[in-house]
């Protein structure tokens, strides 16, 4: 079962509090500090994330079993281990990017 986590919105300006994820070449804000669970993303040249993620808003969900959730889906990125607690992947559904997150 998917549980809503956040909305990622692409911007051309670096937002206050954004930190650079050097591996993905993207500036990110902490959606946990947003009352509306918004994660702002400002991409740098050379980001490995798909064009769909870099150009459109995405919705993110936590899932209990990422591998199971990805079966039969159109995976456009990942799975990628972010740290010992988080693995993510992006799929395309209904023409948009959807981020799936498994949190340990």
N, C-alpha and C. Protein backbone atom coordinates (compact mmCIF):
# COMPACT_ATOMS: atom_id res chain seq x y z
N UNK A 1 0.83 -1.18 0.00
CA UNK A 1 0.00 0.00 0.00
C UNK A 1 0.88 1.25 0.00
N UNK A 2 0.54 2.19 -0.83
CA UNK A 2 1.27 3.46 -0.90
C UNK A 2 0.71 4.44 0.13
N UNK A 3 1.63 5.20 0.75
CA UNK A 3 1.25 6.26 1.67
C UNK A 3 1.87 7.55 1.17
N UNK A 4 1.05 8.59 1.00
CA UNK A 4 1.56 9.87 0.51
C UNK A 4 2.71 10.35 1.38
N UNK A 5 3.79 10.86 0.73
CA UNK A 5 4.94 11.38 1.46
C UNK A 5 5.17 12.85 1.15
N UNK A 6 5.28 13.21 -0.14
CA UNK A 6 5.51 14.61 -0.50
C UNK A 6 5.23 14.85 -1.97
N UNK A 7 5.27 16.14 -2.34
CA UNK A 7 5.19 16.56 -3.74
C UNK A 7 6.51 17.25 -4.06
N UNK A 8 7.12 16.86 -5.17
CA UNK A 8 8.36 17.49 -5.61
C UNK A 8 8.07 18.46 -6.75
N UNK A 9 8.46 19.73 -6.55
CA UNK A 9 8.18 20.76 -7.56
C UNK A 9 9.50 21.31 -8.07
N UNK A 10 9.66 21.29 -9.38
CA UNK A 10 10.88 21.79 -10.02
C UNK A 10 10.85 23.31 -10.06
N UNK A 11 11.99 23.92 -9.75
CA UNK A 11 12.13 25.37 -9.78
C UNK A 11 13.44 25.73 -10.46
N UNK A 12 13.54 26.97 -10.93
CA UNK A 12 14.78 27.44 -11.56
C UNK A 12 15.63 28.25 -10.59
N UNK A 13 15.11 28.45 -9.38
CA UNK A 13 15.87 29.21 -8.38
C UNK A 13 16.14 28.34 -7.17
N UNK A 14 17.29 28.54 -6.56
CA UNK A 14 17.62 27.79 -5.35
C UNK A 14 16.81 28.36 -4.19
N UNK A 15 16.02 27.53 -3.56
CA UNK A 15 15.16 27.95 -2.45
C UNK A 15 15.96 27.99 -1.15
N UNK A 16 15.51 28.86 -0.24
CA UNK A 16 16.15 28.97 1.07
C UNK A 16 16.17 27.61 1.76
N UNK A 17 17.31 27.24 2.30
CA UNK A 17 17.45 25.99 3.01
C UNK A 17 17.76 24.79 2.13
N UNK A 18 17.83 24.99 0.82
CA UNK A 18 18.12 23.88 -0.08
C UNK A 18 19.55 23.40 0.12
N UNK A 19 19.73 22.09 0.00
CA UNK A 19 21.06 21.49 0.08
C UNK A 19 21.32 20.73 -1.21
N UNK A 20 22.59 20.71 -1.59
CA UNK A 20 22.98 20.03 -2.83
C UNK A 20 23.16 18.54 -2.59
N UNK A 21 22.46 17.74 -3.36
CA UNK A 21 22.73 16.31 -3.43
C UNK A 21 23.68 16.14 -4.60
N UNK A 22 24.98 16.04 -4.30
CA UNK A 22 25.99 15.98 -5.34
C UNK A 22 25.90 14.76 -6.23
N UNK A 23 25.43 13.65 -5.69
CA UNK A 23 25.29 12.44 -6.50
C UNK A 23 24.24 12.57 -7.58
N UNK A 24 23.20 13.34 -7.28
CA UNK A 24 22.11 13.53 -8.25
C UNK A 24 22.18 14.89 -8.94
N UNK A 25 23.09 15.76 -8.48
CA UNK A 25 23.24 17.10 -9.05
C UNK A 25 21.93 17.89 -8.98
N UNK A 26 21.36 17.93 -7.79
CA UNK A 26 20.10 18.65 -7.59
C UNK A 26 20.10 19.27 -6.20
N UNK A 27 19.61 20.51 -6.12
CA UNK A 27 19.37 21.20 -4.85
C UNK A 27 17.99 20.79 -4.37
N UNK A 28 17.87 20.39 -3.10
CA UNK A 28 16.62 19.91 -2.54
C UNK A 28 16.29 20.64 -1.25
N UNK A 29 15.02 20.93 -1.04
CA UNK A 29 14.59 21.42 0.27
C UNK A 29 14.03 20.25 1.06
N UNK A 30 13.91 20.44 2.37
CA UNK A 30 13.41 19.40 3.27
C UNK A 30 11.89 19.46 3.31
N UNK A 31 11.24 18.52 2.66
CA UNK A 31 9.77 18.52 2.62
C UNK A 31 9.17 18.34 4.01
N UNK A 32 9.93 17.78 4.94
CA UNK A 32 9.44 17.61 6.31
C UNK A 32 9.25 18.93 7.03
N UNK A 33 9.88 19.99 6.53
CA UNK A 33 9.74 21.32 7.14
C UNK A 33 8.66 22.16 6.44
N UNK A 34 8.03 21.59 5.43
CA UNK A 34 7.00 22.29 4.67
C UNK A 34 5.61 21.88 5.18
N UNK A 35 4.75 22.84 5.51
CA UNK A 35 3.41 22.48 5.98
C UNK A 35 2.60 21.74 4.92
N UNK A 36 2.99 21.89 3.65
CA UNK A 36 2.28 21.21 2.56
C UNK A 36 3.07 20.05 1.98
N UNK A 37 4.16 19.66 2.68
CA UNK A 37 5.00 18.53 2.25
C UNK A 37 5.55 18.75 0.83
N UNK A 38 6.04 19.98 0.56
CA UNK A 38 6.62 20.31 -0.73
C UNK A 38 8.13 20.19 -0.66
N UNK A 39 8.69 19.50 -1.64
CA UNK A 39 10.13 19.41 -1.84
C UNK A 39 10.43 20.22 -3.11
N UNK A 40 11.22 21.28 -2.97
CA UNK A 40 11.61 22.08 -4.13
C UNK A 40 12.90 21.48 -4.69
N UNK A 41 12.98 21.36 -6.02
CA UNK A 41 14.14 20.78 -6.69
C UNK A 41 14.68 21.75 -7.73
N UNK A 42 15.95 22.08 -7.64
CA UNK A 42 16.63 22.89 -8.66
C UNK A 42 17.77 22.04 -9.21
N UNK A 43 17.65 21.68 -10.46
CA UNK A 43 18.61 20.77 -11.08
C UNK A 43 19.81 21.52 -11.65
N UNK A 44 20.98 20.91 -11.50
CA UNK A 44 22.21 21.39 -12.12
C UNK A 44 22.46 20.56 -13.37
N UNK A 45 23.28 21.07 -14.27
CA UNK A 45 23.63 20.31 -15.48
C UNK A 45 24.27 19.00 -15.07
N UNK A 46 23.96 17.97 -15.82
CA UNK A 46 24.56 16.68 -15.58
C UNK A 46 23.83 15.80 -14.58
N UNK A 47 22.64 16.20 -14.17
CA UNK A 47 21.89 15.35 -13.25
C UNK A 47 21.54 14.04 -13.95
N UNK A 48 21.62 12.96 -13.19
CA UNK A 48 21.32 11.63 -13.76
C UNK A 48 19.83 11.30 -13.70
N UNK A 49 19.05 12.16 -13.07
CA UNK A 49 17.61 11.88 -13.00
C UNK A 49 16.96 12.09 -14.37
N UNK A 50 15.92 11.32 -14.68
CA UNK A 50 15.28 11.41 -15.99
C UNK A 50 14.68 12.78 -16.26
N UNK A 51 14.56 13.10 -17.53
CA UNK A 51 14.00 14.39 -17.96
C UNK A 51 12.63 14.62 -17.35
N UNK A 52 11.81 13.59 -17.27
CA UNK A 52 10.47 13.72 -16.71
C UNK A 52 10.53 14.24 -15.27
N UNK A 53 11.49 13.77 -14.49
CA UNK A 53 11.64 14.22 -13.10
C UNK A 53 12.18 15.65 -13.08
N UNK A 54 13.08 15.96 -14.01
CA UNK A 54 13.71 17.29 -14.03
C UNK A 54 12.80 18.39 -14.56
N UNK A 55 11.71 18.03 -15.21
CA UNK A 55 10.88 19.05 -15.86
C UNK A 55 9.45 19.15 -15.33
N UNK A 56 9.01 18.16 -14.54
CA UNK A 56 7.63 18.17 -14.08
C UNK A 56 7.54 17.86 -12.59
N UNK A 57 6.45 18.26 -12.01
CA UNK A 57 6.14 17.94 -10.62
C UNK A 57 5.98 16.43 -10.47
N UNK A 58 6.45 15.90 -9.34
CA UNK A 58 6.23 14.48 -9.06
C UNK A 58 5.56 14.31 -7.71
N UNK A 59 4.91 13.19 -7.55
CA UNK A 59 4.30 12.80 -6.28
C UNK A 59 5.11 11.66 -5.71
N UNK A 60 5.33 11.67 -4.39
CA UNK A 60 6.13 10.63 -3.76
C UNK A 60 5.31 9.90 -2.71
N UNK A 61 5.52 8.60 -2.65
CA UNK A 61 4.83 7.73 -1.70
C UNK A 61 5.85 6.84 -1.01
N UNK A 62 5.60 6.52 0.26
CA UNK A 62 6.36 5.47 0.92
C UNK A 62 5.65 4.15 0.67
N UNK A 63 6.46 3.11 0.54
CA UNK A 63 5.93 1.77 0.31
C UNK A 63 6.66 0.80 1.24
N UNK A 64 6.00 -0.27 1.66
CA UNK A 64 6.65 -1.21 2.57
C UNK A 64 7.68 -2.10 1.88
N UNK A 65 7.50 -2.36 0.58
CA UNK A 65 8.39 -3.27 -0.16
C UNK A 65 8.59 -2.71 -1.56
N UNK A 66 9.70 -2.00 -1.75
CA UNK A 66 9.95 -1.33 -3.03
C UNK A 66 10.04 -2.31 -4.18
N UNK A 67 10.76 -3.40 -4.00
CA UNK A 67 10.92 -4.39 -5.07
C UNK A 67 9.56 -4.91 -5.53
N UNK A 68 8.71 -5.21 -4.59
CA UNK A 68 7.36 -5.70 -4.92
C UNK A 68 6.56 -4.63 -5.65
N UNK A 69 6.65 -3.40 -5.20
CA UNK A 69 5.90 -2.29 -5.80
C UNK A 69 6.35 -2.00 -7.24
N UNK A 70 7.62 -2.28 -7.56
CA UNK A 70 8.15 -1.98 -8.90
C UNK A 70 7.78 -3.04 -9.94
N UNK A 71 7.35 -4.20 -9.51
CA UNK A 71 7.02 -5.27 -10.46
C UNK A 71 5.92 -4.82 -11.41
N UNK A 72 6.20 -4.96 -12.70
CA UNK A 72 5.23 -4.62 -13.72
C UNK A 72 5.07 -3.13 -14.00
N UNK A 73 5.88 -2.30 -13.35
CA UNK A 73 5.80 -0.86 -13.52
C UNK A 73 6.85 -0.38 -14.53
N UNK A 74 6.65 0.80 -15.08
CA UNK A 74 7.61 1.42 -15.98
C UNK A 74 8.61 2.20 -15.13
N UNK A 75 9.72 1.54 -14.77
CA UNK A 75 10.74 2.15 -13.93
C UNK A 75 11.60 3.08 -14.79
N UNK A 76 11.73 4.35 -14.35
CA UNK A 76 12.53 5.31 -15.12
C UNK A 76 13.81 5.70 -14.39
N UNK A 77 13.92 5.31 -13.10
CA UNK A 77 15.15 5.56 -12.35
C UNK A 77 15.18 4.66 -11.13
N UNK A 78 16.36 4.08 -10.89
CA UNK A 78 16.57 3.30 -9.68
C UNK A 78 16.22 1.85 -9.86
N UNK A 79 16.14 1.18 -8.73
CA UNK A 79 16.22 1.67 -7.37
C UNK A 79 17.61 2.20 -7.03
N UNK A 80 17.63 3.19 -6.16
CA UNK A 80 18.87 3.83 -5.73
C UNK A 80 18.87 3.91 -4.21
N UNK A 81 19.95 3.42 -3.61
CA UNK A 81 20.10 3.49 -2.16
C UNK A 81 20.63 4.88 -1.82
N UNK A 82 19.85 5.63 -1.07
CA UNK A 82 20.25 6.99 -0.69
C UNK A 82 21.09 6.98 0.58
N UNK A 83 20.71 6.16 1.53
CA UNK A 83 21.48 5.95 2.76
C UNK A 83 20.98 4.64 3.37
N UNK A 84 21.45 4.33 4.57
CA UNK A 84 21.09 3.05 5.18
C UNK A 84 19.61 2.95 5.53
N UNK A 85 18.88 4.06 5.45
CA UNK A 85 17.46 4.07 5.80
C UNK A 85 16.52 4.28 4.62
N UNK A 86 17.05 4.68 3.46
CA UNK A 86 16.18 5.09 2.36
C UNK A 86 16.65 4.55 1.01
N UNK A 87 15.73 3.91 0.32
CA UNK A 87 15.93 3.49 -1.08
C UNK A 87 14.77 4.07 -1.88
N UNK A 88 15.09 4.64 -3.04
CA UNK A 88 14.05 5.27 -3.87
C UNK A 88 14.08 4.72 -5.29
N UNK A 89 12.99 4.92 -5.98
CA UNK A 89 12.90 4.65 -7.42
C UNK A 89 11.83 5.58 -7.97
N UNK A 90 11.94 5.88 -9.25
CA UNK A 90 10.90 6.64 -9.94
C UNK A 90 10.28 5.75 -10.99
N UNK A 91 8.96 5.81 -11.07
CA UNK A 91 8.22 5.13 -12.12
C UNK A 91 7.44 6.19 -12.89
N UNK A 92 6.99 5.80 -14.07
CA UNK A 92 6.09 6.69 -14.81
C UNK A 92 4.71 6.08 -14.78
N UNK A 93 3.75 6.85 -14.30
CA UNK A 93 2.34 6.45 -14.27
C UNK A 93 1.50 7.64 -14.70
N UNK A 94 0.52 7.40 -15.53
CA UNK A 94 -0.40 8.43 -15.98
C UNK A 94 0.34 9.64 -16.57
N UNK A 95 1.51 9.40 -17.15
CA UNK A 95 2.27 10.46 -17.81
C UNK A 95 3.12 11.31 -16.89
N UNK A 96 3.16 10.99 -15.59
CA UNK A 96 3.99 11.76 -14.66
C UNK A 96 4.96 10.83 -13.94
N UNK A 97 5.97 11.44 -13.34
CA UNK A 97 6.91 10.69 -12.51
C UNK A 97 6.31 10.51 -11.12
N UNK A 98 6.45 9.30 -10.60
CA UNK A 98 6.01 8.98 -9.25
C UNK A 98 7.22 8.40 -8.52
N UNK A 99 7.54 8.99 -7.38
CA UNK A 99 8.66 8.50 -6.59
C UNK A 99 8.14 7.52 -5.55
N UNK A 100 8.80 6.37 -5.49
CA UNK A 100 8.47 5.37 -4.48
C UNK A 100 9.64 5.27 -3.53
N UNK A 101 9.36 5.31 -2.23
CA UNK A 101 10.39 5.36 -1.20
C UNK A 101 10.18 4.22 -0.20
N UNK A 102 11.23 3.45 0.01
CA UNK A 102 11.19 2.44 1.07
C UNK A 102 12.07 2.96 2.20
N UNK A 103 11.47 3.19 3.35
CA UNK A 103 12.17 3.73 4.50
C UNK A 103 12.31 2.63 5.54
N UNK A 104 13.54 2.40 5.98
CA UNK A 104 13.81 1.36 6.99
C UNK A 104 13.73 1.95 8.38
